[in-house]
């Protein structure tokens, strides 16, 4: 069980937040979700996160703005972007420190692999 690992999911789609919560909690991770980047600062004050999955395109604060908030307040949090289609915001996110992007719709095995690789690197 990985009950000490917290994952933050920032996505404006309820279905995505529910999917991540259901699957990752079943695997023993602590999952916190928010519907947009404007709630991220509040969550970072409550807990630290090993990984943050961030949707690129969201109202209020886009994924790059959200990434910047997380990197400022929690520089060790590993950022994984999520997007339905590649665009200039993805390039900007990578320049700002995102390690990769998973493209929607994605296979949950891809998410598991990304998490596994991050945990291995953190423990090495």
Protein backbone atom coordinates (compact mmCIF):
# COMPACT_ATOMS: atom_id res chain seq x y z
CA UNK A 1 0.00 0.00 0.00
CA UNK A 2 1.12 3.51 -0.80
CA UNK A 3 -1.04 5.27 1.80
CA UNK A 4 1.67 7.86 2.52
CA UNK A 5 1.62 9.17 -1.05
CA UNK A 6 -0.69 12.10 -1.77
CA UNK A 7 -1.76 12.99 -5.29
CA UNK A 8 -3.46 16.23 -6.31
CA UNK A 9 -5.76 16.22 -9.34
CA UNK A 10 -6.74 19.56 -10.85
CA UNK A 11 -9.37 19.21 -13.57
CA UNK A 12 -12.56 21.08 -14.39
CA UNK A 13 -14.29 17.86 -15.52
CA UNK A 14 -16.05 16.02 -12.69
CA UNK A 15 -15.72 12.71 -14.53
CA UNK A 16 -11.92 13.03 -14.59
CA UNK A 17 -11.72 13.89 -10.90
CA UNK A 18 -13.96 10.92 -10.05
CA UNK A 19 -11.98 8.56 -12.27
CA UNK A 20 -8.66 9.49 -10.67
CA UNK A 21 -10.14 9.30 -7.18
CA UNK A 22 -11.75 5.89 -7.65
CA UNK A 23 -8.79 4.23 -9.32
CA UNK A 24 -5.95 5.72 -7.30
CA UNK A 25 -7.64 5.40 -3.91
CA UNK A 26 -8.24 1.72 -4.69
CA UNK A 27 -4.46 1.45 -5.12
CA UNK A 28 -3.84 3.01 -1.72
CA UNK A 29 -2.98 6.59 -2.67
CA UNK A 30 -4.45 9.61 -0.95
CA UNK A 31 -6.18 11.63 -3.68
CA UNK A 32 -7.36 15.21 -3.35
CA UNK A 33 -9.14 16.87 -6.25
CA UNK A 34 -10.06 20.45 -7.13
CA UNK A 35 -12.06 21.80 -10.06
CA UNK A 36 -9.67 24.61 -10.97
CA UNK A 37 -6.35 26.15 -10.10
CA UNK A 38 -7.82 28.84 -7.88
CA UNK A 39 -8.28 26.21 -5.12
CA UNK A 40 -4.75 24.80 -5.30
CA UNK A 41 -3.10 27.20 -2.87
CA UNK A 42 -5.62 26.27 -0.17
CA UNK A 43 -4.93 22.53 -0.66
CA UNK A 44 -1.16 23.05 -0.58
CA UNK A 45 -1.49 24.77 2.80
CA UNK A 46 -3.31 21.69 4.12
CA UNK A 47 -0.95 19.01 2.78
CA UNK A 48 2.04 18.26 0.59
CA UNK A 49 1.71 16.22 -2.59
CA UNK A 50 4.20 13.99 -4.35
CA UNK A 51 2.41 14.36 -7.68
CA UNK A 52 -0.04 16.83 -9.22
CA UNK A 53 -2.01 15.93 -12.34
CA UNK A 54 -3.14 19.18 -13.95
CA UNK A 55 -5.50 19.69 -16.87
CA UNK A 56 -4.03 22.15 -19.35
CA UNK A 57 -7.32 23.81 -20.34
CA UNK A 58 -9.47 25.03 -17.45
CA UNK A 59 -11.55 28.12 -16.80
CA UNK A 60 -10.44 30.67 -14.19
CA UNK A 61 -6.80 29.48 -14.09
CA UNK A 62 -5.31 27.41 -16.90
CA UNK A 63 -2.90 24.56 -16.30
CA UNK A 64 0.25 26.64 -16.75
CA UNK A 65 -0.90 29.24 -14.21
CA UNK A 66 -1.79 26.40 -11.83
CA UNK A 67 1.61 24.77 -12.37
CA UNK A 68 3.33 28.04 -11.44
CA UNK A 69 1.39 28.26 -8.17
CA UNK A 70 2.31 24.70 -7.26
CA UNK A 71 5.99 25.14 -8.16
CA UNK A 72 6.15 28.32 -6.09
CA UNK A 73 4.49 26.85 -3.00
CA UNK A 74 5.63 23.23 -3.32
CA UNK A 75 8.71 23.01 -5.59
CA UNK A 76 9.22 19.28 -4.98
CA UNK A 77 5.77 18.31 -6.26
CA UNK A 78 6.12 16.48 -9.57
CA UNK A 79 3.82 17.93 -12.23
CA UNK A 80 2.08 15.83 -14.89
CA UNK A 81 -0.06 17.72 -17.37
CA UNK A 82 -3.23 16.31 -18.97
CA UNK A 83 -4.64 17.48 -22.27
CA UNK A 84 -7.04 16.47 -25.02
CA UNK A 85 -4.97 18.08 -27.74
CA UNK A 86 -1.41 19.41 -27.85
CA UNK A 87 -0.90 23.15 -28.14
CA UNK A 88 1.39 25.96 -27.12
CA UNK A 89 0.35 25.76 -23.46
CA UNK A 90 1.92 22.30 -23.27
CA UNK A 91 5.24 23.63 -24.50
CA UNK A 92 5.05 26.36 -21.89
CA UNK A 93 4.18 23.84 -19.16
CA UNK A 94 7.23 21.75 -19.99
CA UNK A 95 9.43 24.86 -19.83
CA UNK A 96 7.91 25.62 -16.41
CA UNK A 97 8.77 22.17 -15.05
CA UNK A 98 6.09 19.65 -16.02
CA UNK A 99 7.75 16.27 -16.49
CA UNK A 100 5.30 14.87 -19.04
CA UNK A 101 1.81 15.09 -20.46
CA UNK A 102 -0.75 12.35 -20.72
CA UNK A 103 -3.25 12.84 -23.49
CA UNK A 104 -6.99 12.38 -22.97
CA UNK A 105 -8.54 9.95 -23.39
CA UNK A 106 -5.78 7.98 -21.74
CA UNK A 107 -5.33 4.43 -20.63
CA UNK A 108 -5.26 4.09 -16.85
CA UNK A 109 -2.19 1.85 -17.26
CA UNK A 110 -0.38 4.93 -18.57
CA UNK A 111 -1.28 6.82 -15.39
CA UNK A 112 -0.12 3.91 -13.23
CA UNK A 113 3.18 3.75 -15.13
CA UNK A 114 3.80 7.49 -14.71
CA UNK A 115 3.11 7.26 -10.97
CA UNK A 116 5.32 4.20 -10.60
CA UNK A 117 8.22 5.91 -12.37
CA UNK A 118 7.89 9.03 -10.22
CA UNK A 119 7.86 6.97 -7.01
CA UNK A 120 10.95 5.01 -8.14
CA UNK A 121 12.85 8.22 -8.84
CA UNK A 122 11.81 9.74 -5.51
CA UNK A 123 12.99 6.68 -3.59
CA UNK A 124 16.29 6.33 -5.48
